[in-house]
Amino acid sequence: MDYTVGLINERNIGDKITKGDLLFTISSNKSLTKEQIKRLQKSIVFTNKSVKENIF
């Protein structure tokens, strides 16, 4: 386990975003694997409706 990894949310739930906006920044001593990138992509939910609360 790598305890030096960090994630900074650049946007909050309910924020309006547009294509190309930075959603989060990941800091790590190692490059992400293809599987890790795929899992991150699957964890992001986009909608045209305003989100007021956590949907998880």
N, C-alpha and C. Protein backbone atom coordinates (compact mmCIF):
# COMPACT_ATOMS: atom_id res chain seq x y z
N MET A 1 0.84 -1.17 0.00
CA MET A 1 0.00 0.00 0.00
C MET A 1 0.90 1.24 0.00
N ASP A 2 0.52 2.23 -0.79
CA ASP A 2 1.31 3.46 -0.90
C ASP A 2 0.58 4.59 -0.18
N TYR A 3 1.08 4.98 0.98
CA TYR A 3 0.43 6.01 1.79
C TYR A 3 0.78 7.43 1.34
N THR A 4 1.60 7.55 0.28
CA THR A 4 1.96 8.87 -0.22
C THR A 4 1.00 9.35 -1.30
N VAL A 5 0.04 8.54 -1.69
CA VAL A 5 -0.92 8.91 -2.73
C VAL A 5 -1.93 9.90 -2.17
N GLY A 6 -2.27 10.91 -2.99
CA GLY A 6 -3.27 11.88 -2.56
C GLY A 6 -4.18 12.26 -3.71
N LEU A 7 -5.40 12.65 -3.38
CA LEU A 7 -6.37 13.08 -4.38
C LEU A 7 -6.96 14.41 -3.93
N ILE A 8 -6.95 15.37 -4.83
CA ILE A 8 -7.53 16.68 -4.55
C ILE A 8 -8.74 16.86 -5.45
N ASN A 9 -9.91 17.04 -4.86
CA ASN A 9 -11.13 17.31 -5.64
C ASN A 9 -11.07 18.76 -6.11
N GLU A 10 -11.12 18.97 -7.40
CA GLU A 10 -11.10 20.31 -7.97
C GLU A 10 -12.52 20.85 -8.14
N ARG A 11 -13.50 19.97 -8.09
CA ARG A 11 -14.92 20.34 -8.20
C ARG A 11 -15.69 19.64 -7.09
N ASN A 12 -16.85 20.18 -6.75
CA ASN A 12 -17.71 19.59 -5.73
C ASN A 12 -18.95 18.99 -6.37
N ILE A 13 -19.62 18.10 -5.65
CA ILE A 13 -20.88 17.54 -6.11
C ILE A 13 -21.84 18.70 -6.36
N GLY A 14 -22.44 18.70 -7.53
CA GLY A 14 -23.41 19.74 -7.89
C GLY A 14 -22.81 20.89 -8.67
N ASP A 15 -21.47 20.98 -8.75
CA ASP A 15 -20.84 22.04 -9.54
C ASP A 15 -21.13 21.84 -11.02
N LYS A 16 -21.37 22.93 -11.72
CA LYS A 16 -21.52 22.85 -13.17
C LYS A 16 -20.13 22.73 -13.77
N ILE A 17 -19.98 21.77 -14.67
CA ILE A 17 -18.69 21.58 -15.33
C ILE A 17 -18.90 21.60 -16.84
N THR A 18 -17.83 21.88 -17.54
CA THR A 18 -17.86 21.83 -19.00
C THR A 18 -16.72 20.94 -19.47
N LYS A 19 -16.81 20.51 -20.70
CA LYS A 19 -15.80 19.62 -21.27
C LYS A 19 -14.42 20.24 -21.12
N GLY A 20 -13.50 19.46 -20.61
CA GLY A 20 -12.13 19.92 -20.43
C GLY A 20 -11.82 20.43 -19.04
N ASP A 21 -12.86 20.59 -18.19
CA ASP A 21 -12.62 21.04 -16.82
C ASP A 21 -11.84 19.98 -16.04
N LEU A 22 -10.97 20.44 -15.17
CA LEU A 22 -10.22 19.55 -14.29
C LEU A 22 -11.13 19.14 -13.14
N LEU A 23 -11.33 17.83 -12.96
CA LEU A 23 -12.22 17.33 -11.90
C LEU A 23 -11.46 17.01 -10.62
N PHE A 24 -10.29 16.41 -10.77
CA PHE A 24 -9.48 16.09 -9.60
C PHE A 24 -8.03 15.94 -10.01
N THR A 25 -7.15 16.03 -9.03
CA THR A 25 -5.71 15.86 -9.23
C THR A 25 -5.25 14.72 -8.34
N ILE A 26 -4.45 13.81 -8.91
CA ILE A 26 -3.90 12.70 -8.15
C ILE A 26 -2.40 12.89 -8.05
N SER A 27 -1.88 12.77 -6.82
CA SER A 27 -0.44 12.82 -6.59
C SER A 27 0.02 11.44 -6.16
N SER A 28 1.08 10.95 -6.81
CA SER A 28 1.57 9.61 -6.50
C SER A 28 3.03 9.50 -6.91
N ASN A 29 3.75 8.63 -6.23
CA ASN A 29 5.15 8.36 -6.60
C ASN A 29 5.24 7.42 -7.79
N LYS A 30 4.11 6.79 -8.16
CA LYS A 30 4.07 5.83 -9.26
C LYS A 30 3.02 6.24 -10.27
N SER A 31 3.18 5.81 -11.51
CA SER A 31 2.18 6.06 -12.54
C SER A 31 0.96 5.17 -12.30
N LEU A 32 -0.22 5.66 -12.66
CA LEU A 32 -1.41 4.84 -12.55
C LEU A 32 -1.41 3.75 -13.61
N THR A 33 -1.92 2.59 -13.25
CA THR A 33 -2.04 1.51 -14.22
C THR A 33 -3.29 1.74 -15.07
N LYS A 34 -3.38 1.05 -16.18
CA LYS A 34 -4.57 1.15 -17.03
C LYS A 34 -5.83 0.74 -16.26
N GLU A 35 -5.71 -0.27 -15.42
CA GLU A 35 -6.86 -0.73 -14.62
C GLU A 35 -7.28 0.35 -13.62
N GLN A 36 -6.35 1.01 -12.98
CA GLN A 36 -6.68 2.07 -12.04
C GLN A 36 -7.38 3.23 -12.76
N ILE A 37 -6.90 3.59 -13.92
CA ILE A 37 -7.52 4.66 -14.70
C ILE A 37 -8.93 4.27 -15.10
N LYS A 38 -9.12 3.03 -15.53
CA LYS A 38 -10.44 2.54 -15.91
C LYS A 38 -11.41 2.59 -14.74
N ARG A 39 -10.95 2.20 -13.55
CA ARG A 39 -11.80 2.23 -12.35
C ARG A 39 -12.17 3.66 -11.96
N LEU A 40 -11.24 4.58 -12.09
CA LEU A 40 -11.53 5.99 -11.82
C LEU A 40 -12.59 6.52 -12.79
N GLN A 41 -12.44 6.20 -14.07
CA GLN A 41 -13.40 6.67 -15.08
C GLN A 41 -14.79 6.13 -14.79
N LYS A 42 -14.89 4.89 -14.35
CA LYS A 42 -16.20 4.30 -14.04
C LYS A 42 -16.83 4.92 -12.79
N SER A 43 -16.02 5.52 -11.93
CA SER A 43 -16.54 6.07 -10.68
C SER A 43 -17.14 7.47 -10.84
N ILE A 44 -16.97 8.06 -12.01
CA ILE A 44 -17.47 9.42 -12.25
C ILE A 44 -18.83 9.36 -12.93
N VAL A 45 -19.79 10.10 -12.37
CA VAL A 45 -21.15 10.13 -12.91
C VAL A 45 -21.45 11.53 -13.43
N PHE A 46 -21.85 11.63 -14.70
CA PHE A 46 -22.24 12.90 -15.30
C PHE A 46 -23.75 12.92 -15.50
N THR A 47 -24.36 14.07 -15.28
CA THR A 47 -25.78 14.22 -15.49
C THR A 47 -26.09 15.65 -15.89
N ASN A 48 -27.19 15.85 -16.59
CA ASN A 48 -27.62 17.19 -16.95
C ASN A 48 -28.44 17.84 -15.84
N LYS A 49 -28.82 17.05 -14.84
CA LYS A 49 -29.62 17.56 -13.73
C LYS A 49 -28.71 18.02 -12.59
N SER A 50 -29.18 18.99 -11.83
CA SER A 50 -28.44 19.47 -10.67
C SER A 50 -28.47 18.40 -9.58
N VAL A 51 -27.32 18.15 -8.98
CA VAL A 51 -27.20 17.15 -7.91
C VAL A 51 -26.99 17.91 -6.61
N LYS A 52 -27.90 17.69 -5.67
CA LYS A 52 -27.85 18.42 -4.40
C LYS A 52 -27.20 17.62 -3.27
N GLU A 53 -27.16 16.31 -3.41
CA GLU A 53 -26.63 15.48 -2.33
C GLU A 53 -25.83 14.33 -2.90
N ASN A 54 -25.13 13.65 -2.03
CA ASN A 54 -24.32 12.51 -2.41
C ASN A 54 -25.21 11.41 -2.98
N ILE A 55 -24.89 10.89 -4.16
CA ILE A 55 -25.73 9.88 -4.80
C ILE A 55 -25.24 8.46 -4.53
N PHE A 56 -24.21 8.33 -3.70
CA PHE A 56 -23.66 7.01 -3.43
C PHE A 56 -24.29 6.39 -2.22
